[in-house]
Amino acid sequence: MPMSQVLLIVVFLILILGVVPVLVIRIKKRGDESLNKLKSMIQPYTDADYFRKLERDQAMLSADFGERKQENLFQKLSATFGKLFLMEKYQEKLLKKLARAGMKWKPSEFIFLKFCIGVGAMLFGLIFLRSLIWMLGFGFIGWLFPDIIVWKKTGARIKAFNDQLVDALVMMSNSMKAGYSFLQALDLVARESHYPMNDEFKRVLRETGLGAPIEDSFAGLLDRVPSEDLDLVLTVVMIQRQIGGNLAEILDKIAHTIRERIKLLGQIQALTAQGRMSGIVITALPFALYFIMHLLEPEKMSTLYKEKVGWVLIAIGLIMQSIGAVAIKKIISIEV
């Protein structure tokens, strides 16, 4: 075989073995890109949770706390801290917790803030009180302090929502009697009511406007505002959408029921106020007394955590305090 033919065959084989795999890879890559593009186009119509996931991502990246042109040092450190130590599922859970409180914080920023407050409180206990027990105690309190703030803000937000719910139901009922549709009545409430009612209803309307089912939007609303009254309203609305009926009249009856329930709850709160105050005083008194005695006689009180008997007494006291606090709470807690 001539040398020229051998070279031609070698060149042909090199082209076949080199070019064909590249072409196959590129064709496959284009096919995958087209398939992914097609999936992304039809995903809103096939995935019921798409809009909820989309809004969650937008809340993480471009909500009130995300639209920042330039991050400061705290935000950069918290972002690094979150990437290193926080799992994605925990961040989602914490994001839901912050959303219930109406706080525009990223989960990484919130955890980093807790860490800084806890370390600062530990240093305060170590420097000023010079005690390992006080250092750990102050650190624990500092770590829990942001959670207490979130818990208080969540309770206040849910209470404000419940206080506005009756007026919102009456407004929806009157607007539907005037000829408005259900979604138009929701829009009227979103425009005319105050925070947090308007904020939550605007979000429901935004989700339904993007194409999400109204059932999923209401499920997200109930997840962000865990209220028994709201659960009752949404359950009745969903039943009415399935079997029909006069929704305006139903909303009037629900508003009357909730109004009477709030009145009865206020009477119970007034009657149990003395018991709640007694529980708070009895629970806090031993800790306040120990703190005062430690300031007056630090050497004598230090025996509690230097001797084994002292640790046993502390454990017994904490157990008895916990049992007493739970018993008082059970006595004064009356479900309506």
C-alpha atoms as a PDB file:
ATOM      1  CA  MET A   1       0.000   0.000   0.000  1.00  0.00           C
ATOM      2  CA  PRO A   2       1.489   3.366  -0.973  1.00  0.00           C
ATOM      3  CA  MET A   3       2.624   5.688   1.785  1.00  0.00           C
ATOM      4  CA  SER A   4       0.197   8.394   0.671  1.00  0.00           C
ATOM      5  CA  GLN A   5      -2.789   6.079   1.140  1.00  0.00           C
ATOM      6  CA  VAL A   6      -1.544   5.078   4.603  1.00  0.00           C
ATOM      7  CA  LEU A   7      -1.280   8.734   5.608  1.00  0.00           C
ATOM      8  CA  LEU A   8      -4.738   9.394   4.183  1.00  0.00           C
ATOM      9  CA  ILE A   9      -6.230   6.530   6.205  1.00  0.00           C
ATOM     10  CA  VAL A  10      -4.473   7.717   9.385  1.00  0.00           C
ATOM     11  CA  VAL A  11      -5.757  11.259   8.897  1.00  0.00           C
ATOM     12  CA  PHE A  12      -9.269   9.920   8.239  1.00  0.00           C
ATOM     13  CA  LEU A  13      -9.166   7.811  11.423  1.00  0.00           C
ATOM     14  CA  ILE A  14      -7.916  10.778  13.457  1.00  0.00           C
ATOM     15  CA  LEU A  15     -10.774  12.898  12.115  1.00  0.00           C
ATOM     16  CA  ILE A  16     -13.306  10.171  12.837  1.00  0.00           C
ATOM     17  CA  LEU A  17     -12.024   9.506  16.362  1.00  0.00           C
ATOM     18  CA  GLY A  18     -11.508  13.177  17.225  1.00  0.00           C
ATOM     19  CA  VAL A  19     -14.272  15.091  15.527  1.00  0.00           C
ATOM     20  CA  VAL A  20     -17.174  12.643  15.816  1.00  0.00           C
ATOM     21  CA  PRO A  21     -17.073  12.384  19.686  1.00  0.00           C
ATOM     22  CA  VAL A  22     -16.924  16.178  19.901  1.00  0.00           C
ATOM     23  CA  LEU A  23     -19.906  16.500  17.593  1.00  0.00           C
ATOM     24  CA  VAL A  24     -21.822  13.869  19.557  1.00  0.00           C
ATOM     25  CA  ILE A  25     -21.061  15.618  22.840  1.00  0.00           C
ATOM     26  CA  ARG A  26     -22.130  18.993  21.452  1.00  0.00           C
ATOM     27  CA  ILE A  27     -25.347  17.585  19.988  1.00  0.00           C
ATOM     28  CA  LYS A  28     -26.140  15.877  23.309  1.00  0.00           C
ATOM     29  CA  LYS A  29     -25.364  19.068  25.211  1.00  0.00           C
ATOM     30  CA  ARG A  30     -27.665  21.081  22.956  1.00  0.00           C
ATOM     31  CA  GLY A  31     -30.349  18.455  23.375  1.00  0.00           C
ATOM     32  CA  ASP A  32     -30.004  18.613  27.155  1.00  0.00           C
ATOM     33  CA  GLU A  33     -30.137  22.411  27.075  1.00  0.00           C
ATOM     34  CA  SER A  34     -33.273  22.308  24.922  1.00  0.00           C
ATOM     35  CA  LEU A  35     -34.843  19.724  27.232  1.00  0.00           C
ATOM     36  CA  ASN A  36     -33.987  21.791  30.316  1.00  0.00           C
ATOM     37  CA  LYS A  37     -35.378  24.900  28.654  1.00  0.00           C
ATOM     38  CA  LEU A  38     -38.560  23.032  27.779  1.00  0.00           C
ATOM     39  CA  LYS A  39     -38.851  21.730  31.368  1.00  0.00           C
ATOM     40  CA  SER A  40     -38.383  25.233  32.773  1.00  0.00           C
ATOM     41  CA  MET A  41     -41.080  26.538  30.417  1.00  0.00           C
ATOM     42  CA  ILE A  42     -43.678  23.931  31.367  1.00  0.00           C
ATOM     43  CA  GLN A  43     -42.718  23.673  35.051  1.00  0.00           C
ATOM     44  CA  PRO A  44     -45.238  26.336  36.182  1.00  0.00           C
ATOM     45  CA  TYR A  45     -47.995  24.172  34.701  1.00  0.00           C
ATOM     46  CA  THR A  46     -46.795  20.831  36.098  1.00  0.00           C
ATOM     47  CA  ASP A  47     -45.284  21.616  39.519  1.00  0.00           C
ATOM     48  CA  ALA A  48     -47.785  22.796  42.128  1.00  0.00           C
ATOM     49  CA  ASP A  49     -44.997  24.010  44.426  1.00  0.00           C
ATOM     50  CA  TYR A  50     -43.172  25.961  41.727  1.00  0.00           C
ATOM     51  CA  PHE A  51     -44.438  29.386  42.667  1.00  0.00           C
ATOM     52  CA  ARG A  52     -43.868  28.795  46.346  1.00  0.00           C
ATOM     53  CA  LYS A  53     -40.275  27.778  45.641  1.00  0.00           C
ATOM     54  CA  LEU A  54     -39.852  30.723  43.299  1.00  0.00           C
ATOM     55  CA  GLU A  55     -41.125  33.193  45.872  1.00  0.00           C
ATOM     56  CA  ARG A  56     -38.936  31.639  48.569  1.00  0.00           C
ATOM     57  CA  ASP A  57     -35.863  32.085  46.369  1.00  0.00           C
ATOM     58  CA  GLN A  58     -36.877  35.634  45.565  1.00  0.00           C
ATOM     59  CA  ALA A  59     -37.316  36.312  49.267  1.00  0.00           C
ATOM     60  CA  MET A  60     -33.800  35.035  49.872  1.00  0.00           C
ATOM     61  CA  LEU A  61     -32.249  37.055  47.037  1.00  0.00           C
ATOM     62  CA  SER A  62     -34.355  40.082  46.148  1.00  0.00           C
ATOM     63  CA  ALA A  63     -36.793  40.879  48.964  1.00  0.00           C
ATOM     64  CA  ASP A  64     -36.546  43.900  51.174  1.00  0.00           C
ATOM     65  CA  PHE A  65     -33.420  42.566  52.814  1.00  0.00           C
ATOM     66  CA  GLY A  66     -31.939  41.270  49.551  1.00  0.00           C
ATOM     67  CA  GLU A  67     -31.997  44.377  47.360  1.00  0.00           C
ATOM     68  CA  ARG A  68     -28.749  45.802  48.637  1.00  0.00           C
ATOM     69  CA  LYS A  69     -26.270  47.249  46.227  1.00  0.00           C
ATOM     70  CA  GLN A  70     -23.374  46.902  48.620  1.00  0.00           C
ATOM     71  CA  GLU A  71     -23.080  44.509  51.546  1.00  0.00           C
ATOM     72  CA  ASN A  72     -21.476  45.641  54.759  1.00  0.00           C
ATOM     73  CA  LEU A  73     -19.000  43.653  56.849  1.00  0.00           C
ATOM     74  CA  PHE A  74     -21.676  42.054  59.017  1.00  0.00           C
ATOM     75  CA  GLN A  75     -23.561  40.768  55.971  1.00  0.00           C
ATOM     76  CA  LYS A  76     -20.396  39.337  54.403  1.00  0.00           C
ATOM     77  CA  LEU A  77     -19.371  37.597  57.629  1.00  0.00           C
ATOM     78  CA  SER A  78     -22.873  36.216  58.168  1.00  0.00           C
ATOM     79  CA  ALA A  79     -22.995  34.888  54.605  1.00  0.00           C
ATOM     80  CA  THR A  80     -19.670  33.094  55.123  1.00  0.00           C
ATOM     81  CA  PHE A  81     -20.839  31.784  58.500  1.00  0.00           C
ATOM     82  CA  GLY A  82     -24.046  30.459  56.942  1.00  0.00           C
ATOM     83  CA  LYS A  83     -22.205  28.652  54.139  1.00  0.00           C
ATOM     84  CA  LEU A  84     -19.864  26.971  56.609  1.00  0.00           C
ATOM     85  CA  PHE A  85     -22.203  25.953  59.426  1.00  0.00           C
ATOM     86  CA  LEU A  86     -25.857  26.076  58.299  1.00  0.00           C
ATOM     87  CA  MET A  87     -27.633  23.318  56.424  1.00  0.00           C
ATOM     88  CA  GLU A  88     -30.132  24.170  53.708  1.00  0.00           C
ATOM     89  CA  LYS A  89     -33.094  22.527  55.439  1.00  0.00           C
ATOM     90  CA  TYR A  90     -32.357  24.407  58.652  1.00  0.00           C
ATOM     91  CA  GLN A  91     -32.143  27.677  56.716  1.00  0.00           C
ATOM     92  CA  GLU A  92     -35.555  27.012  55.136  1.00  0.00           C
ATOM     93  CA  LYS A  93     -37.041  26.273  58.549  1.00  0.00           C
ATOM     94  CA  LEU A  94     -35.481  29.409  60.014  1.00  0.00           C
ATOM     95  CA  LEU A  95     -36.646  31.489  57.039  1.00  0.00           C
ATOM     96  CA  LYS A  96     -40.220  30.369  57.689  1.00  0.00           C
ATOM     97  CA  LYS A  97     -39.801  31.269  61.356  1.00  0.00           C
ATOM     98  CA  LEU A  98     -38.555  34.766  60.480  1.00  0.00           C
ATOM     99  CA  ALA A  99     -41.352  35.204  57.924  1.00  0.00           C
ATOM    100  CA  ARG A 100     -43.938  34.461  60.618  1.00  0.00           C
ATOM    101  CA  ALA A 101     -42.401  37.249  62.690  1.00  0.00           C
ATOM    102  CA  GLY A 102     -42.373  39.617  59.712  1.00  0.00           C
ATOM    103  CA  MET A 103     -38.600  40.090  59.994  1.00  0.00           C
ATOM    104  CA  LYS A 104     -36.635  40.792  56.801  1.00  0.00           C
ATOM    105  CA  TRP A 105     -33.518  38.908  57.875  1.00  0.00           C
ATOM    106  CA  LYS A 106     -31.559  36.205  56.133  1.00  0.00           C
ATOM    107  CA  PRO A 107     -31.154  33.015  58.189  1.00  0.00           C
ATOM    108  CA  SER A 108     -27.365  33.327  58.099  1.00  0.00           C
ATOM    109  CA  GLU A 109     -27.547  36.897  59.430  1.00  0.00           C
ATOM    110  CA  PHE A 110     -29.895  35.894  62.219  1.00  0.00           C
ATOM    111  CA  ILE A 111     -27.726  32.947  63.362  1.00  0.00           C
ATOM    112  CA  PHE A 112     -24.562  35.045  63.150  1.00  0.00           C
ATOM    113  CA  LEU A 113     -26.232  37.733  65.259  1.00  0.00           C
ATOM    114  CA  LYS A 114     -27.170  35.087  67.851  1.00  0.00           C
ATOM    115  CA  PHE A 115     -23.576  33.872  67.867  1.00  0.00           C
ATOM    116  CA  CYS A 116     -22.180  37.386  68.379  1.00  0.00           C
ATOM    117  CA  ILE A 117     -24.627  38.183  71.189  1.00  0.00           C
ATOM    118  CA  GLY A 118     -23.909  34.840  72.892  1.00  0.00           C
ATOM    119  CA  VAL A 119     -20.131  35.337  72.750  1.00  0.00           C
ATOM    120  CA  GLY A 120     -20.471  38.926  73.974  1.00  0.00           C
ATOM    121  CA  ALA A 121     -22.641  37.820  76.897  1.00  0.00           C
ATOM    122  CA  MET A 122     -20.140  35.087  77.816  1.00  0.00           C
ATOM    123  CA  LEU A 123     -17.297  37.621  77.840  1.00  0.00           C
ATOM    124  CA  PHE A 124     -19.394  39.929  80.023  1.00  0.00           C
ATOM    125  CA  GLY A 125     -19.991  37.155  82.566  1.00  0.00           C
ATOM    126  CA  LEU A 126     -16.324  36.157  82.556  1.00  0.00           C
ATOM    127  CA  ILE A 127     -14.867  39.667  82.855  1.00  0.00           C
ATOM    128  CA  PHE A 128     -17.259  41.289  85.325  1.00  0.00           C
ATOM    129  CA  LEU A 129     -18.466  38.335  87.408  1.00  0.00           C
ATOM    130  CA  ARG A 130     -15.358  36.119  87.019  1.00  0.00           C
ATOM    131  CA  SER A 131     -17.327  32.907  87.247  1.00  0.00           C
ATOM    132  CA  LEU A 132     -17.599  29.995  84.843  1.00  0.00           C
ATOM    133  CA  ILE A 133     -21.222  29.382  85.812  1.00  0.00           C
ATOM    134  CA  TRP A 134     -22.199  32.987  85.167  1.00  0.00           C
ATOM    135  CA  MET A 135     -20.253  32.977  81.904  1.00  0.00           C
ATOM    136  CA  LEU A 136     -22.182  29.938  80.634  1.00  0.00           C
ATOM    137  CA  GLY A 137     -25.464  31.312  81.969  1.00  0.00           C
ATOM    138  CA  PHE A 138     -25.026  34.700  80.301  1.00  0.00           C
ATOM    139  CA  GLY A 139     -23.914  33.003  77.075  1.00  0.00           C
ATOM    140  CA  PHE A 140     -27.018  30.810  77.047  1.00  0.00           C
ATOM    141  CA  ILE A 141     -29.285  33.802  77.699  1.00  0.00           C
ATOM    142  CA  GLY A 142     -27.511  35.818  74.997  1.00  0.00           C
ATOM    143  CA  TRP A 143     -27.922  32.989  72.495  1.00  0.00           C
ATOM    144  CA  LEU A 144     -31.664  32.691  73.236  1.00  0.00           C
ATOM    145  CA  PHE A 145     -32.336  36.451  73.336  1.00  0.00           C
ATOM    146  CA  PRO A 146     -32.908  36.863  69.544  1.00  0.00           C
ATOM    147  CA  ASP A 147     -35.226  33.833  69.588  1.00  0.00           C
ATOM    148  CA  ILE A 148     -37.252  35.486  72.354  1.00  0.00           C
ATOM    149  CA  ILE A 149     -37.538  38.628  70.214  1.00  0.00           C
ATOM    150  CA  VAL A 150     -38.705  36.564  67.233  1.00  0.00           C
ATOM    151  CA  TRP A 151     -41.189  34.705  69.426  1.00  0.00           C
ATOM    152  CA  LYS A 152     -42.620  37.973  70.787  1.00  0.00           C
ATOM    153  CA  LYS A 153     -42.838  39.555  67.333  1.00  0.00           C
ATOM    154  CA  THR A 154     -44.528  36.423  65.962  1.00  0.00           C
ATOM    155  CA  GLY A 155     -47.130  36.502  68.723  1.00  0.00           C
ATOM    156  CA  ALA A 156     -47.719  40.223  68.235  1.00  0.00           C
ATOM    157  CA  ARG A 157     -48.045  39.786  64.461  1.00  0.00           C
ATOM    158  CA  ILE A 158     -50.532  36.915  64.767  1.00  0.00           C
ATOM    159  CA  LYS A 159     -52.525  38.880  67.353  1.00  0.00           C
ATOM    160  CA  ALA A 160     -52.625  41.929  65.066  1.00  0.00           C
ATOM    161  CA  PHE A 161     -53.768  39.722  62.189  1.00  0.00           C
ATOM    162  CA  ASN A 162     -56.523  38.154  64.301  1.00  0.00           C
ATOM    163  CA  ASP A 163     -57.652  41.592  65.494  1.00  0.00           C
ATOM    164  CA  GLN A 164     -58.063  42.730  61.870  1.00  0.00           C
ATOM    165  CA  LEU A 165     -59.648  39.493  60.646  1.00  0.00           C
ATOM    166  CA  VAL A 166     -63.225  40.330  61.681  1.00  0.00           C
ATOM    167  CA  ASP A 167     -63.132  43.706  59.924  1.00  0.00           C
ATOM    168  CA  ALA A 168     -61.607  42.054  56.856  1.00  0.00           C
ATOM    169  CA  LEU A 169     -64.382  39.442  56.747  1.00  0.00           C
ATOM    170  CA  VAL A 170     -67.067  42.120  57.047  1.00  0.00           C
ATOM    171  CA  MET A 171     -65.395  44.125  54.273  1.00  0.00           C
ATOM    172  CA  MET A 172     -65.242  41.045  52.037  1.00  0.00           C
ATOM    173  CA  SER A 173     -68.858  40.170  52.758  1.00  0.00           C
ATOM    174  CA  ASN A 174     -70.113  43.696  51.980  1.00  0.00           C
ATOM    175  CA  SER A 175     -68.061  43.914  48.792  1.00  0.00           C
ATOM    176  CA  MET A 176     -69.367  40.536  47.586  1.00  0.00           C
ATOM    177  CA  LYS A 177     -72.935  41.659  48.328  1.00  0.00           C
ATOM    178  CA  ALA A 178     -72.208  44.698  46.147  1.00  0.00           C
ATOM    179  CA  GLY A 179     -71.271  42.429  43.237  1.00  0.00           C
ATOM    180  CA  TYR A 180     -67.534  41.913  43.643  1.00  0.00           C
ATOM    181  CA  SER A 181     -65.967  38.528  42.981  1.00  0.00           C
ATOM    182  CA  PHE A 182     -64.038  36.718  45.686  1.00  0.00           C
ATOM    183  CA  LEU A 183     -60.630  37.760  44.310  1.00  0.00           C
ATOM    184  CA  GLN A 184     -61.809  41.363  43.921  1.00  0.00           C
ATOM    185  CA  ALA A 185     -62.915  41.289  47.548  1.00  0.00           C
ATOM    186  CA  LEU A 186     -59.453  40.020  48.531  1.00  0.00           C
ATOM    187  CA  ASP A 187     -57.873  42.838  46.540  1.00  0.00           C
ATOM    188  CA  LEU A 188     -60.080  45.390  48.305  1.00  0.00           C
ATOM    189  CA  VAL A 189     -58.977  44.054  51.703  1.00  0.00           C
ATOM    190  CA  ALA A 190     -55.340  44.122  50.591  1.00  0.00           C
ATOM    191  CA  ARG A 191     -55.659  47.785  49.588  1.00  0.00           C
ATOM    192  CA  GLU A 192     -57.756  49.084  52.470  1.00  0.00           C
ATOM    193  CA  SER A 193     -56.502  47.142  55.520  1.00  0.00           C
ATOM    194  CA  HIS A 194     -53.364  47.667  57.589  1.00  0.00           C
ATOM    195  CA  TYR A 195     -50.255  45.625  58.274  1.00  0.00           C
ATOM    196  CA  PRO A 196     -49.986  42.619  58.516  1.00  0.00           C
ATOM    197  CA  MET A 197     -53.346  41.877  56.855  1.00  0.00           C
ATOM    198  CA  ASN A 198     -52.593  43.863  53.710  1.00  0.00           C
ATOM    199  CA  ASP A 199     -49.120  42.356  53.344  1.00  0.00           C
ATOM    200  CA  GLU A 200     -50.371  38.765  53.545  1.00  0.00           C
ATOM    201  CA  PHE A 201     -53.341  39.283  51.219  1.00  0.00           C
ATOM    202  CA  LYS A 202     -51.162  41.047  48.650  1.00  0.00           C
ATOM    203  CA  ARG A 203     -48.884  38.026  48.674  1.00  0.00           C
ATOM    204  CA  VAL A 204     -51.859  35.696  48.133  1.00  0.00           C
ATOM    205  CA  LEU A 205     -53.029  37.800  45.198  1.00  0.00           C
ATOM    206  CA  ARG A 206     -49.516  37.923  43.756  1.00  0.00           C
ATOM    207  CA  GLU A 207     -49.226  34.140  43.901  1.00  0.00           C
ATOM    208  CA  THR A 208     -52.636  33.596  42.289  1.00  0.00           C
ATOM    209  CA  GLY A 209     -51.759  36.193  39.654  1.00  0.00           C
ATOM    210  CA  LEU A 210     -48.695  34.140  38.726  1.00  0.00           C
ATOM    211  CA  GLY A 211     -50.935  31.118  38.228  1.00  0.00           C
ATOM    212  CA  ALA A 212     -50.713  29.279  41.521  1.00  0.00           C
ATOM    213  CA  PRO A 213     -53.922  27.551  42.682  1.00  0.00           C
ATOM    214  CA  ILE A 214     -55.846  29.494  45.292  1.00  0.00           C
ATOM    215  CA  GLU A 215     -55.712  26.445  47.584  1.00  0.00           C
ATOM    216  CA  ASP A 216     -51.903  26.491  47.598  1.00  0.00           C
ATOM    217  CA  SER A 217     -51.841  30.247  48.203  1.00  0.00           C
ATOM    218  CA  PHE A 218     -54.169  29.875  51.189  1.00  0.00           C
ATOM    219  CA  ALA A 219     -52.063  26.968  52.503  1.00  0.00           C
ATOM    220  CA  GLY A 220     -48.994  29.213  52.381  1.00  0.00           C
ATOM    221  CA  LEU A 221     -50.928  31.995  54.136  1.00  0.00           C
ATOM    222  CA  LEU A 222     -51.950  29.640  56.938  1.00  0.00           C
ATOM    223  CA  ASP A 223     -48.353  28.425  57.206  1.00  0.00           C
ATOM    224  CA  ARG A 224     -47.106  31.998  57.662  1.00  0.00           C
ATOM    225  CA  VAL A 225     -49.967  32.972  60.011  1.00  0.00           C
ATOM    226  CA  PRO A 226     -50.837  29.924  62.155  1.00  0.00           C
ATOM    227  CA  SER A 227     -54.161  31.214  63.441  1.00  0.00           C
ATOM    228  CA  GLU A 228     -57.167  29.103  64.436  1.00  0.00           C
ATOM    229  CA  ASP A 229     -59.552  31.803  63.253  1.00  0.00           C
ATOM    230  CA  LEU A 230     -57.834  32.005  59.871  1.00  0.00           C
ATOM    231  CA  ASP A 231     -57.875  28.208  59.608  1.00  0.00           C
ATOM    232  CA  LEU A 232     -61.642  28.266  60.160  1.00  0.00           C
ATOM    233  CA  VAL A 233     -62.133  30.946  57.507  1.00  0.00           C
ATOM    234  CA  LEU A 234     -59.984  29.226  54.878  1.00  0.00           C
ATOM    235  CA  THR A 235     -61.612  25.844  55.530  1.00  0.00           C
ATOM    236  CA  VAL A 236     -65.085  27.311  55.026  1.00  0.00           C
ATOM    237  CA  VAL A 237     -64.003  29.159  51.876  1.00  0.00           C
ATOM    238  CA  MET A 238     -62.516  25.995  50.363  1.00  0.00           C
ATOM    239  CA  ILE A 239     -65.668  23.993  51.139  1.00  0.00           C
ATOM    240  CA  GLN A 240     -67.846  26.711  49.629  1.00  0.00           C
ATOM    241  CA  ARG A 241     -65.772  26.753  46.418  1.00  0.00           C
ATOM    242  CA  GLN A 242     -66.421  23.016  46.050  1.00  0.00           C
ATOM    243  CA  ILE A 243     -70.101  22.725  46.948  1.00  0.00           C
ATOM    244  CA  GLY A 244     -71.317  26.288  46.367  1.00  0.00           C
ATOM    245  CA  GLY A 245     -73.440  28.545  48.574  1.00  0.00           C
ATOM    246  CA  ASN A 246     -73.831  32.162  49.642  1.00  0.00           C
ATOM    247  CA  LEU A 247     -70.258  33.019  50.625  1.00  0.00           C
ATOM    248  CA  ALA A 248     -71.129  36.547  51.775  1.00  0.00           C
ATOM    249  CA  GLU A 249     -73.635  35.225  54.312  1.00  0.00           C
ATOM    250  CA  ILE A 250     -71.183  32.561  55.446  1.00  0.00           C
ATOM    251  CA  LEU A 251     -68.482  35.187  56.028  1.00  0.00           C
ATOM    252  CA  ASP A 252     -70.927  37.268  58.110  1.00  0.00           C
ATOM    253  CA  LYS A 253     -71.649  34.281  60.354  1.00  0.00           C
ATOM    254  CA  ILE A 254     -67.946  33.484  60.742  1.00  0.00           C
ATOM    255  CA  ALA A 255     -67.214  37.112  61.628  1.00  0.00           C
ATOM    256  CA  HIS A 256     -69.941  37.023  64.303  1.00  0.00           C
ATOM    257  CA  THR A 257     -68.549  33.743  65.705  1.00  0.00           C
ATOM    258  CA  ILE A 258     -64.994  35.075  65.847  1.00  0.00           C
ATOM    259  CA  ARG A 259     -66.176  38.326  67.450  1.00  0.00           C
ATOM    260  CA  GLU A 260     -67.963  36.441  70.229  1.00  0.00           C
ATOM    261  CA  ARG A 261     -64.963  34.155  70.683  1.00  0.00           C
ATOM    262  CA  ILE A 262     -62.639  37.151  71.086  1.00  0.00           C
ATOM    263  CA  LYS A 263     -65.005  38.668  73.654  1.00  0.00           C
ATOM    264  CA  LEU A 264     -65.077  35.441  75.678  1.00  0.00           C
ATOM    265  CA  LEU A 265     -61.290  35.113  75.428  1.00  0.00           C
ATOM    266  CA  GLY A 266     -60.863  38.637  76.782  1.00  0.00           C
ATOM    267  CA  GLN A 267     -63.033  37.805  79.795  1.00  0.00           C
ATOM    268  CA  ILE A 268     -60.965  34.692  80.484  1.00  0.00           C
ATOM    269  CA  GLN A 269     -57.728  36.680  80.216  1.00  0.00           C
ATOM    270  CA  ALA A 270     -59.037  39.182  82.755  1.00  0.00           C
ATOM    271  CA  LEU A 271     -60.094  36.470  85.202  1.00  0.00           C
ATOM    272  CA  THR A 272     -56.771  34.584  84.970  1.00  0.00           C
ATOM    273  CA  ALA A 273     -54.520  37.671  85.132  1.00  0.00           C
ATOM    274  CA  GLN A 274     -53.787  37.192  88.847  1.00  0.00           C
ATOM    275  CA  GLY A 275     -52.848  33.544  88.318  1.00  0.00           C
ATOM    276  CA  ARG A 276     -50.486  34.419  85.447  1.00  0.00           C
ATOM    277  CA  MET A 277     -48.766  37.094  87.518  1.00  0.00           C
ATOM    278  CA  SER A 278     -48.418  34.697  90.453  1.00  0.00           C
ATOM    279  CA  GLY A 279     -46.812  32.122  88.173  1.00  0.00           C
ATOM    280  CA  ILE A 280     -44.317  34.668  86.825  1.00  0.00           C
ATOM    281  CA  VAL A 281     -43.367  35.922  90.302  1.00  0.00           C
ATOM    282  CA  ILE A 282     -43.042  32.432  91.812  1.00  0.00           C
ATOM    283  CA  THR A 283     -40.926  31.223  88.907  1.00  0.00           C
ATOM    284  CA  ALA A 284     -38.596  34.231  88.801  1.00  0.00           C
ATOM    285  CA  LEU A 285     -38.211  34.737  92.563  1.00  0.00           C
ATOM    286  CA  PRO A 286     -35.598  31.987  93.275  1.00  0.00           C
ATOM    287  CA  PHE A 287     -33.372  33.160  90.409  1.00  0.00           C
ATOM    288  CA  ALA A 288     -33.583  36.802  91.461  1.00  0.00           C
ATOM    289  CA  LEU A 289     -32.887  35.851  95.099  1.00  0.00           C
ATOM    290  CA  TYR A 290     -29.834  33.802  94.093  1.00  0.00           C
ATOM    291  CA  PHE A 291     -28.503  36.693  91.992  1.00  0.00           C
ATOM    292  CA  ILE A 292     -28.865  39.157  94.884  1.00  0.00           C
ATOM    293  CA  MET A 293     -27.304  36.754  97.393  1.00  0.00           C
ATOM    294  CA  HIS A 294     -24.412  36.070  95.022  1.00  0.00           C
ATOM    295  CA  LEU A 295     -23.683  39.782  94.815  1.00  0.00           C
ATOM    296  CA  LEU A 296     -23.819  40.167  98.599  1.00  0.00           C
ATOM    297  CA  GLU A 297     -22.064  36.941  99.662  1.00  0.00           C
ATOM    298  CA  PRO A 298     -20.256  35.478  96.616  1.00  0.00           C
ATOM    299  CA  GLU A 299     -18.028  33.125  98.656  1.00  0.00           C
ATOM    300  CA  LYS A 300     -20.900  31.480 100.528  1.00  0.00           C
ATOM    301  CA  MET A 301     -23.109  31.151  97.446  1.00  0.00           C
ATOM    302  CA  SER A 302     -20.239  29.693  95.425  1.00  0.00           C
ATOM    303  CA  THR A 303     -20.558  26.546  97.554  1.00  0.00           C
ATOM    304  CA  LEU A 304     -23.573  25.590  95.459  1.00  0.00           C
ATOM    305  CA  TYR A 305     -21.460  24.908  92.377  1.00  0.00           C
ATOM    306  CA  LYS A 306     -18.225  23.894  94.099  1.00  0.00           C
ATOM    307  CA  GLU A 307     -19.651  20.959  96.045  1.00  0.00           C
ATOM    308  CA  LYS A 308     -21.532  17.905  94.764  1.00  0.00           C
ATOM    309  CA  VAL A 309     -24.349  18.522  97.239  1.00  0.00           C
ATOM    310  CA  GLY A 310     -24.779  21.997  95.788  1.00  0.00           C
ATOM    311  CA  TRP A 311     -25.206  20.615  92.270  1.00  0.00           C
ATOM    312  CA  VAL A 312     -27.781  18.132  93.571  1.00  0.00           C
ATOM    313  CA  LEU A 313     -29.701  20.946  95.259  1.00  0.00           C
ATOM    314  CA  ILE A 314     -29.587  23.046  92.088  1.00  0.00           C
ATOM    315  CA  ALA A 315     -30.947  20.137  90.031  1.00  0.00           C
ATOM    316  CA  ILE A 316     -33.733  19.457  92.536  1.00  0.00           C
ATOM    317  CA  GLY A 317     -34.656  23.139  92.642  1.00  0.00           C
ATOM    318  CA  LEU A 318     -34.799  23.446  88.846  1.00  0.00           C
ATOM    319  CA  ILE A 319     -36.944  20.314  88.557  1.00  0.00           C
ATOM    320  CA  MET A 320     -39.368  21.533  91.210  1.00  0.00           C
ATOM    321  CA  GLN A 321     -39.513  24.993  89.634  1.00  0.00           C
ATOM    322  CA  SER A 322     -40.303  23.456  86.243  1.00  0.00           C
ATOM    323  CA  ILE A 323     -43.050  21.262  87.686  1.00  0.00           C
ATOM    324  CA  GLY A 324     -44.596  24.234  89.489  1.00  0.00           C
ATOM    325  CA  ALA A 325     -44.473  26.447  86.372  1.00  0.00           C
ATOM    326  CA  VAL A 326     -46.100  23.750  84.216  1.00  0.00           C
ATOM    327  CA  ALA A 327     -48.801  23.135  86.847  1.00  0.00           C
ATOM    328  CA  ILE A 328     -49.660  26.847  87.087  1.00  0.00           C
ATOM    329  CA  LYS A 329     -49.752  27.168  83.293  1.00  0.00           C
ATOM    330  CA  LYS A 330     -52.127  24.197  83.039  1.00  0.00           C
ATOM    331  CA  ILE A 331     -54.446  25.725  85.647  1.00  0.00           C
ATOM    332  CA  ILE A 332     -54.693  29.161  84.001  1.00  0.00           C
ATOM    333  CA  SER A 333     -54.787  27.914  80.374  1.00  0.00           C
ATOM    334  CA  ILE A 334     -58.387  27.637  79.188  1.00  0.00           C
ATOM    335  CA  GLU A 335     -59.066  26.803  75.554  1.00  0.00           C
ATOM    336  CA  VAL A 336     -61.875  28.643  73.807  1.00  0.00           C
END
